Amino acid sequence: MAAQHSQGIQTLLEAEKEAAKIVQQARQYRVQKLKDARSQASKEIEEYKAAKEAEFQSFEDSRAGTTSNAQSAIDRETEVKLQQITDLYETNKDAVVKKLLDRVILVEPELHRNLKKVEA
């Protein structure tokens, strides 16, 4: 009976070792599946990011032409206005200087409009 009892214990120990192996394999399988899921998710994120970056670049390129056209139109308009101001300055500067000099040099003395005559 002791041999049978010893054999039963030995069978239980072997079964326990087998169960430990199965549990260890299940843990390794789970860890490997998690690693695979993470790498797959990372890959999908990178693909999505690249697609969105390409979409943004396309959008930016389509808008860049419009912006540069508007900027060049504004630059041309500014140049025209500056030329007009310069032309007006050149044509009117002599007249303005003459008016200023006349106001400074040709002073006509007159009494202030608020001054009242004091009768004595």
N, C-alpha and C. Protein backbone atom coordinates (compact mmCIF):
# COMPACT_ATOMS: atom_id res chain seq x y z
N MET A 1 0.80 -1.17 0.00
CA MET A 1 0.00 0.00 0.00
C MET A 1 0.86 1.26 0.00
N ALA A 2 1.97 1.20 0.61
CA ALA A 2 2.87 2.33 0.65
C ALA A 2 3.38 2.62 -0.74
N ALA A 3 3.60 1.56 -1.52
CA ALA A 3 4.07 1.75 -2.89
C ALA A 3 2.98 2.40 -3.72
N GLN A 4 1.75 1.96 -3.50
CA GLN A 4 0.63 2.54 -4.22
C GLN A 4 0.45 4.01 -3.83
N HIS A 5 0.59 4.27 -2.55
CA HIS A 5 0.47 5.63 -2.04
C HIS A 5 1.59 6.51 -2.60
N SER A 6 2.78 5.95 -2.66
CA SER A 6 3.93 6.68 -3.20
C SER A 6 3.74 6.93 -4.69
N GLN A 7 3.18 5.93 -5.37
CA GLN A 7 2.92 6.08 -6.80
C GLN A 7 1.85 7.14 -7.03
N GLY A 8 0.83 7.23 -6.20
CA GLY A 8 -0.23 8.24 -6.31
C GLY A 8 0.33 9.65 -6.10
N ILE A 9 1.23 9.76 -5.12
CA ILE A 9 1.85 11.06 -4.86
C ILE A 9 2.70 11.46 -6.06
N GLN A 10 3.44 10.47 -6.59
CA GLN A 10 4.29 10.75 -7.76
C GLN A 10 3.43 11.19 -8.94
N THR A 11 2.27 10.57 -9.14
CA THR A 11 1.36 10.94 -10.22
C THR A 11 0.83 12.35 -10.00
N LEU A 12 0.50 12.66 -8.76
CA LEU A 12 0.03 14.01 -8.45
C LEU A 12 1.12 15.05 -8.71
N LEU A 13 2.35 14.76 -8.35
CA LEU A 13 3.45 15.69 -8.58
C LEU A 13 3.67 15.90 -10.09
N GLU A 14 3.59 14.83 -10.84
CA GLU A 14 3.75 14.96 -12.30
C GLU A 14 2.59 15.77 -12.89
N ALA A 15 1.39 15.53 -12.39
CA ALA A 15 0.22 16.29 -12.87
C ALA A 15 0.38 17.76 -12.51
N GLU A 16 0.91 18.02 -11.30
CA GLU A 16 1.13 19.41 -10.89
C GLU A 16 2.17 20.09 -11.77
N LYS A 17 3.25 19.37 -12.09
CA LYS A 17 4.29 19.91 -12.98
C LYS A 17 3.70 20.19 -14.36
N GLU A 18 2.88 19.26 -14.84
CA GLU A 18 2.24 19.44 -16.16
C GLU A 18 1.31 20.66 -16.14
N ALA A 19 0.57 20.82 -15.05
CA ALA A 19 -0.34 21.96 -14.92
C ALA A 19 0.47 23.27 -14.88
N ALA A 20 1.60 23.26 -14.17
CA ALA A 20 2.46 24.45 -14.10
C ALA A 20 2.99 24.80 -15.48
N LYS A 21 3.38 23.77 -16.26
CA LYS A 21 3.85 24.01 -17.63
C LYS A 21 2.74 24.63 -18.48
N ILE A 22 1.52 24.10 -18.35
CA ILE A 22 0.39 24.61 -19.12
C ILE A 22 0.09 26.06 -18.73
N VAL A 23 0.11 26.36 -17.44
CA VAL A 23 -0.12 27.74 -16.98
C VAL A 23 0.98 28.65 -17.51
N GLN A 24 2.24 28.20 -17.44
CA GLN A 24 3.36 29.00 -17.95
C GLN A 24 3.21 29.26 -19.45
N GLN A 25 2.82 28.25 -20.20
CA GLN A 25 2.61 28.42 -21.64
C GLN A 25 1.47 29.40 -21.91
N ALA A 26 0.41 29.33 -21.11
CA ALA A 26 -0.72 30.25 -21.27
C ALA A 26 -0.28 31.68 -21.00
N ARG A 27 0.55 31.87 -19.97
CA ARG A 27 1.06 33.21 -19.66
C ARG A 27 1.93 33.74 -20.81
N GLN A 28 2.81 32.87 -21.31
CA GLN A 28 3.67 33.27 -22.43
C GLN A 28 2.83 33.60 -23.66
N TYR A 29 1.80 32.80 -23.90
CA TYR A 29 0.91 33.05 -25.03
C TYR A 29 0.21 34.40 -24.88
N ARG A 30 -0.28 34.67 -23.65
CA ARG A 30 -0.95 35.94 -23.39
C ARG A 30 0.00 37.11 -23.58
N VAL A 31 1.21 37.00 -23.06
CA VAL A 31 2.20 38.07 -23.19
C VAL A 31 2.53 38.30 -24.67
N GLN A 32 2.70 37.19 -25.41
CA GLN A 32 3.01 37.32 -26.84
C GLN A 32 1.84 37.98 -27.59
N LYS A 33 0.62 37.60 -27.25
CA LYS A 33 -0.54 38.21 -27.89
C LYS A 33 -0.61 39.71 -27.58
N LEU A 34 -0.31 40.11 -26.35
CA LEU A 34 -0.29 41.53 -26.00
C LEU A 34 0.77 42.28 -26.79
N LYS A 35 1.95 41.68 -26.91
CA LYS A 35 3.02 42.31 -27.69
C LYS A 35 2.60 42.47 -29.15
N ASP A 36 1.99 41.42 -29.70
CA ASP A 36 1.53 41.47 -31.10
C ASP A 36 0.46 42.55 -31.27
N ALA A 37 -0.47 42.63 -30.30
CA ALA A 37 -1.54 43.64 -30.39
C ALA A 37 -0.95 45.04 -30.32
N ARG A 38 0.03 45.24 -29.44
CA ARG A 38 0.66 46.56 -29.33
C ARG A 38 1.39 46.92 -30.62
N SER A 39 2.12 45.98 -31.16
CA SER A 39 2.85 46.29 -32.39
C SER A 39 1.89 46.54 -33.54
N GLN A 40 0.79 45.80 -33.61
CA GLN A 40 -0.20 46.00 -34.65
C GLN A 40 -0.87 47.37 -34.49
N ALA A 41 -1.20 47.73 -33.24
CA ALA A 41 -1.81 49.04 -32.99
C ALA A 41 -0.84 50.16 -33.34
N SER A 42 0.42 49.97 -32.99
CA SER A 42 1.44 50.98 -33.32
C SER A 42 1.57 51.13 -34.84
N LYS A 43 1.53 50.03 -35.54
CA LYS A 43 1.62 50.06 -37.00
C LYS A 43 0.41 50.79 -37.60
N GLU A 44 -0.77 50.48 -37.09
CA GLU A 44 -1.98 51.15 -37.59
C GLU A 44 -1.95 52.65 -37.28
N ILE A 45 -1.45 53.01 -36.11
CA ILE A 45 -1.35 54.43 -35.75
C ILE A 45 -0.41 55.14 -36.70
N GLU A 46 0.72 54.54 -37.00
CA GLU A 46 1.69 55.14 -37.93
C GLU A 46 1.09 55.30 -39.33
N GLU A 47 0.35 54.29 -39.78
CA GLU A 47 -0.28 54.38 -41.10
C GLU A 47 -1.32 55.50 -41.12
N TYR A 48 -2.13 55.58 -40.06
CA TYR A 48 -3.15 56.63 -39.97
C TYR A 48 -2.50 58.01 -39.92
N LYS A 49 -1.44 58.11 -39.15
CA LYS A 49 -0.71 59.37 -39.02
C LYS A 49 -0.13 59.79 -40.38
N ALA A 50 0.45 58.85 -41.10
CA ALA A 50 1.01 59.15 -42.42
C ALA A 50 -0.09 59.59 -43.39
N ALA A 51 -1.25 58.92 -43.34
CA ALA A 51 -2.36 59.28 -44.22
C ALA A 51 -2.86 60.69 -43.91
N LYS A 52 -3.01 61.00 -42.63
CA LYS A 52 -3.48 62.34 -42.25
C LYS A 52 -2.45 63.41 -42.60
N GLU A 53 -1.18 63.08 -42.45
CA GLU A 53 -0.12 64.03 -42.81
C GLU A 53 -0.14 64.31 -44.31
N ALA A 54 -0.34 63.26 -45.10
CA ALA A 54 -0.43 63.45 -46.56
C ALA A 54 -1.67 64.28 -46.92
N GLU A 55 -2.78 64.02 -46.24
CA GLU A 55 -4.01 64.78 -46.48
C GLU A 55 -3.80 66.26 -46.13
N PHE A 56 -3.15 66.51 -45.01
CA PHE A 56 -2.88 67.89 -44.60
C PHE A 56 -1.94 68.57 -45.59
N GLN A 57 -0.91 67.85 -46.02
CA GLN A 57 0.04 68.42 -46.99
C GLN A 57 -0.67 68.78 -48.28
N SER A 58 -1.58 67.91 -48.73
CA SER A 58 -2.35 68.17 -49.93
C SER A 58 -3.22 69.41 -49.76
N PHE A 59 -3.88 69.51 -48.62
CA PHE A 59 -4.72 70.67 -48.31
C PHE A 59 -3.88 71.95 -48.28
N GLU A 60 -2.73 71.87 -47.63
CA GLU A 60 -1.85 73.03 -47.52
C GLU A 60 -1.33 73.46 -48.89
N ASP A 61 -0.98 72.49 -49.72
CA ASP A 61 -0.50 72.82 -51.07
C ASP A 61 -1.58 73.48 -51.91
N SER A 62 -2.82 73.01 -51.76
CA SER A 62 -3.91 73.60 -52.54
C SER A 62 -4.21 75.02 -52.08
N ARG A 63 -4.01 75.31 -50.80
CA ARG A 63 -4.27 76.65 -50.27
C ARG A 63 -3.08 77.58 -50.47
N ALA A 64 -1.89 77.04 -50.59
CA ALA A 64 -0.69 77.87 -50.71
C ALA A 64 -0.72 78.69 -51.99
N GLY A 65 -1.23 78.15 -53.07
CA GLY A 65 -1.32 78.89 -54.32
C GLY A 65 -2.23 80.09 -54.16
N THR A 66 -3.34 79.92 -53.48
CA THR A 66 -4.28 81.01 -53.27
C THR A 66 -3.65 82.10 -52.42
N THR A 67 -2.93 81.71 -51.41
CA THR A 67 -2.29 82.67 -50.52
C THR A 67 -1.21 83.47 -51.26
N SER A 68 -0.41 82.78 -52.05
CA SER A 68 0.65 83.50 -52.76
C SER A 68 0.07 84.43 -53.82
N ASN A 69 -1.03 84.02 -54.46
CA ASN A 69 -1.69 84.90 -55.44
C ASN A 69 -2.23 86.14 -54.75
N ALA A 70 -2.86 85.97 -53.61
CA ALA A 70 -3.41 87.10 -52.87
C ALA A 70 -2.29 88.02 -52.41
N GLN A 71 -1.19 87.44 -51.96
CA GLN A 71 -0.07 88.24 -51.51
C GLN A 71 0.54 89.05 -52.65
N SER A 72 0.68 88.43 -53.81
CA SER A 72 1.24 89.17 -54.94
C SER A 72 0.29 90.29 -55.39
N ALA A 73 -1.02 90.05 -55.33
CA ALA A 73 -1.98 91.10 -55.69
C ALA A 73 -1.89 92.27 -54.71
N ILE A 74 -1.76 91.96 -53.43
CA ILE A 74 -1.64 93.01 -52.42
C ILE A 74 -0.34 93.78 -52.62
N ASP A 75 0.74 93.09 -52.95
CA ASP A 75 2.01 93.76 -53.20
C ASP A 75 1.92 94.71 -54.38
N ARG A 76 1.26 94.28 -55.46
CA ARG A 76 1.10 95.14 -56.64
C ARG A 76 0.27 96.38 -56.28
N GLU A 77 -0.81 96.18 -55.55
CA GLU A 77 -1.67 97.29 -55.16
C GLU A 77 -0.91 98.28 -54.28
N THR A 78 -0.10 97.77 -53.38
CA THR A 78 0.71 98.63 -52.51
C THR A 78 1.70 99.45 -53.32
N GLU A 79 2.34 98.82 -54.29
CA GLU A 79 3.29 99.54 -55.14
C GLU A 79 2.60 100.67 -55.91
N VAL A 80 1.39 100.40 -56.42
CA VAL A 80 0.65 101.42 -57.16
C VAL A 80 0.31 102.59 -56.24
N LYS A 81 -0.16 102.29 -55.04
CA LYS A 81 -0.52 103.36 -54.11
C LYS A 81 0.71 104.18 -53.69
N LEU A 82 1.82 103.49 -53.45
CA LEU A 82 3.05 104.21 -53.12
C LEU A 82 3.48 105.12 -54.25
N GLN A 83 3.36 104.66 -55.47
CA GLN A 83 3.72 105.49 -56.62
C GLN A 83 2.81 106.71 -56.73
N GLN A 84 1.52 106.52 -56.48
CA GLN A 84 0.57 107.65 -56.51
C GLN A 84 0.93 108.68 -55.44
N ILE A 85 1.25 108.22 -54.24
CA ILE A 85 1.61 109.13 -53.16
C ILE A 85 2.90 109.88 -53.50
N THR A 86 3.85 109.19 -54.06
CA THR A 86 5.11 109.82 -54.46
C THR A 86 4.87 110.87 -55.54
N ASP A 87 4.04 110.55 -56.51
CA ASP A 87 3.72 111.51 -57.57
C ASP A 87 3.04 112.76 -57.01
N LEU A 88 2.06 112.56 -56.12
CA LEU A 88 1.38 113.70 -55.49
C LEU A 88 2.35 114.55 -54.68
N TYR A 89 3.26 113.93 -54.00
CA TYR A 89 4.27 114.66 -53.23
C TYR A 89 5.12 115.52 -54.15
N GLU A 90 5.59 114.92 -55.24
CA GLU A 90 6.46 115.66 -56.17
C GLU A 90 5.72 116.84 -56.80
N THR A 91 4.44 116.69 -57.12
CA THR A 91 3.72 117.78 -57.78
C THR A 91 3.31 118.88 -56.82
N ASN A 92 3.10 118.56 -55.54
CA ASN A 92 2.57 119.55 -54.60
C ASN A 92 3.58 120.10 -53.61
N LYS A 93 4.79 119.59 -53.59
CA LYS A 93 5.72 120.02 -52.55
C LYS A 93 6.08 121.50 -52.66
N ASP A 94 6.26 122.03 -53.88
CA ASP A 94 6.61 123.45 -54.04
C ASP A 94 5.47 124.34 -53.55
N ALA A 95 4.24 124.00 -53.87
CA ALA A 95 3.09 124.80 -53.44
C ALA A 95 2.95 124.79 -51.92
N VAL A 96 3.18 123.65 -51.30
CA VAL A 96 3.06 123.55 -49.84
C VAL A 96 4.15 124.38 -49.17
N VAL A 97 5.37 124.30 -49.67
CA VAL A 97 6.46 125.08 -49.10
C VAL A 97 6.16 126.57 -49.24
N LYS A 98 5.63 126.99 -50.39
CA LYS A 98 5.29 128.41 -50.61
C LYS A 98 4.22 128.85 -49.62
N LYS A 99 3.18 128.02 -49.42
CA LYS A 99 2.12 128.38 -48.48
C LYS A 99 2.67 128.52 -47.06
N LEU A 100 3.53 127.61 -46.65
CA LEU A 100 4.12 127.67 -45.32
C LEU A 100 4.96 128.94 -45.14
N LEU A 101 5.78 129.24 -46.13
CA LEU A 101 6.61 130.44 -46.05
C LEU A 101 5.76 131.70 -46.02
N ASP A 102 4.72 131.75 -46.84
CA ASP A 102 3.84 132.92 -46.85
C ASP A 102 3.18 133.11 -45.48
N ARG A 103 2.76 132.04 -44.84
CA ARG A 103 2.10 132.15 -43.53
C ARG A 103 3.09 132.64 -42.47
N VAL A 104 4.35 132.25 -42.61
CA VAL A 104 5.35 132.64 -41.62
C VAL A 104 5.86 134.06 -41.88
N ILE A 105 6.11 134.37 -43.12
CA ILE A 105 6.74 135.65 -43.46
C ILE A 105 5.72 136.78 -43.58
N LEU A 106 4.63 136.58 -44.23
CA LEU A 106 3.64 137.62 -44.47
C LEU A 106 2.57 137.61 -43.38
N VAL A 107 2.86 138.23 -42.27
CA VAL A 107 1.94 138.26 -41.15
C VAL A 107 1.21 139.60 -41.16
N GLU A 108 -0.08 139.56 -41.10
CA GLU A 108 -0.88 140.78 -41.03
C GLU A 108 -1.40 140.91 -39.61
N PRO A 109 -0.95 141.93 -38.89
CA PRO A 109 -1.40 142.07 -37.50
C PRO A 109 -2.88 142.47 -37.45
N GLU A 110 -3.60 141.86 -36.57
CA GLU A 110 -5.01 142.20 -36.38
C GLU A 110 -5.37 141.88 -34.95
N LEU A 111 -6.40 142.53 -34.46
CA LEU A 111 -6.82 142.29 -33.09
C LEU A 111 -7.56 140.97 -32.99
N HIS A 112 -7.42 140.37 -31.83
CA HIS A 112 -8.09 139.08 -31.61
C HIS A 112 -9.59 139.29 -31.61
N ARG A 113 -10.34 138.33 -32.10
CA ARG A 113 -11.78 138.48 -32.25
C ARG A 113 -12.50 138.57 -30.91
N ASN A 114 -11.92 138.09 -29.85
CA ASN A 114 -12.54 138.14 -28.53
C ASN A 114 -12.20 139.41 -27.75
N LEU A 115 -11.32 140.22 -28.32
CA LEU A 115 -10.93 141.43 -27.63
C LEU A 115 -12.05 142.47 -27.70
N LYS A 116 -12.43 143.01 -26.55
CA LYS A 116 -13.48 144.03 -26.49
C LYS A 116 -12.82 145.38 -26.24
N LYS A 117 -13.42 146.39 -26.85
CA LYS A 117 -12.91 147.75 -26.64
C LYS A 117 -13.29 148.18 -25.23
N VAL A 118 -12.37 148.75 -24.56
CA VAL A 118 -12.62 149.28 -23.22
C VAL A 118 -12.82 150.78 -23.38
N GLU A 119 -13.99 151.27 -23.01
CA GLU A 119 -14.28 152.70 -23.14
C GLU A 119 -13.97 153.38 -21.80
N ALA A 120 -13.27 154.46 -21.90
CA ALA A 120 -12.89 155.17 -20.68
C ALA A 120 -13.60 156.48 -20.56
